[in-house]
Amino acid sequence: MNLPAKNPNRVKAGKRSRNKGAQFERTIAKALTKWFGFEVRRTPMSGAYGSHWNLGGDLMFNEEVPWFAELKNTQVWEPSKITHPSSAFHKWVEKAHEEAPEGHAVIIIAKRNFGQPFFIADIEYFESIGISLWNLKYFFKINDKAAVLFQDFLSNARPELVMSHGN
């Protein structure tokens, strides 16, 4: 049986998209490694990771971190349109909540092409780790969630409070 040939342009676009996402995940993992002071990696699709890793969605942590992280680097995500009911953001959050282990904070780190990444979590989560949103340079609310610039999160949060969240 002869199968139709794959469109080489679609194959290339798929590889570019996958590589773009993987590069974003590595960049965030590197920043979090520096911030936490222990290794953070992107979760490989193959599942080829050691048993000492704590899985947290798109990221793996060398120590127990009560996060379930979804990382998104996409042109479709626009902060100005995030509150719209058909926004892809709502699907990301729903999926993350379905997959997150009990007691783990669901976080989304999202960036639009050529934009800055945002750290998104429940407003209560920010308060529980000692971050007053009003003291940040920039944030916006999405229903019961808030989005802050990823760099502002790293500058204002304390790793020890993140690590002890939920304990």
Foldseek 3Di string as FASTA:
>chain_A
DDDDDDDVVVVVVVVVQVVVQQVQQQVVQVVVCVLLVHGKHFQDPVNPDDPCWDAQDRMTTNDDFQHREAEEEEQQDDPVCCLPPVRCVVVVVVVSVVPHDPQHWYWYWYDYVVGFTKIKGFPVVCVQQPHDPVPFPDWDDRVRMIIDGPVSCSVPGHSVSRRPRSD
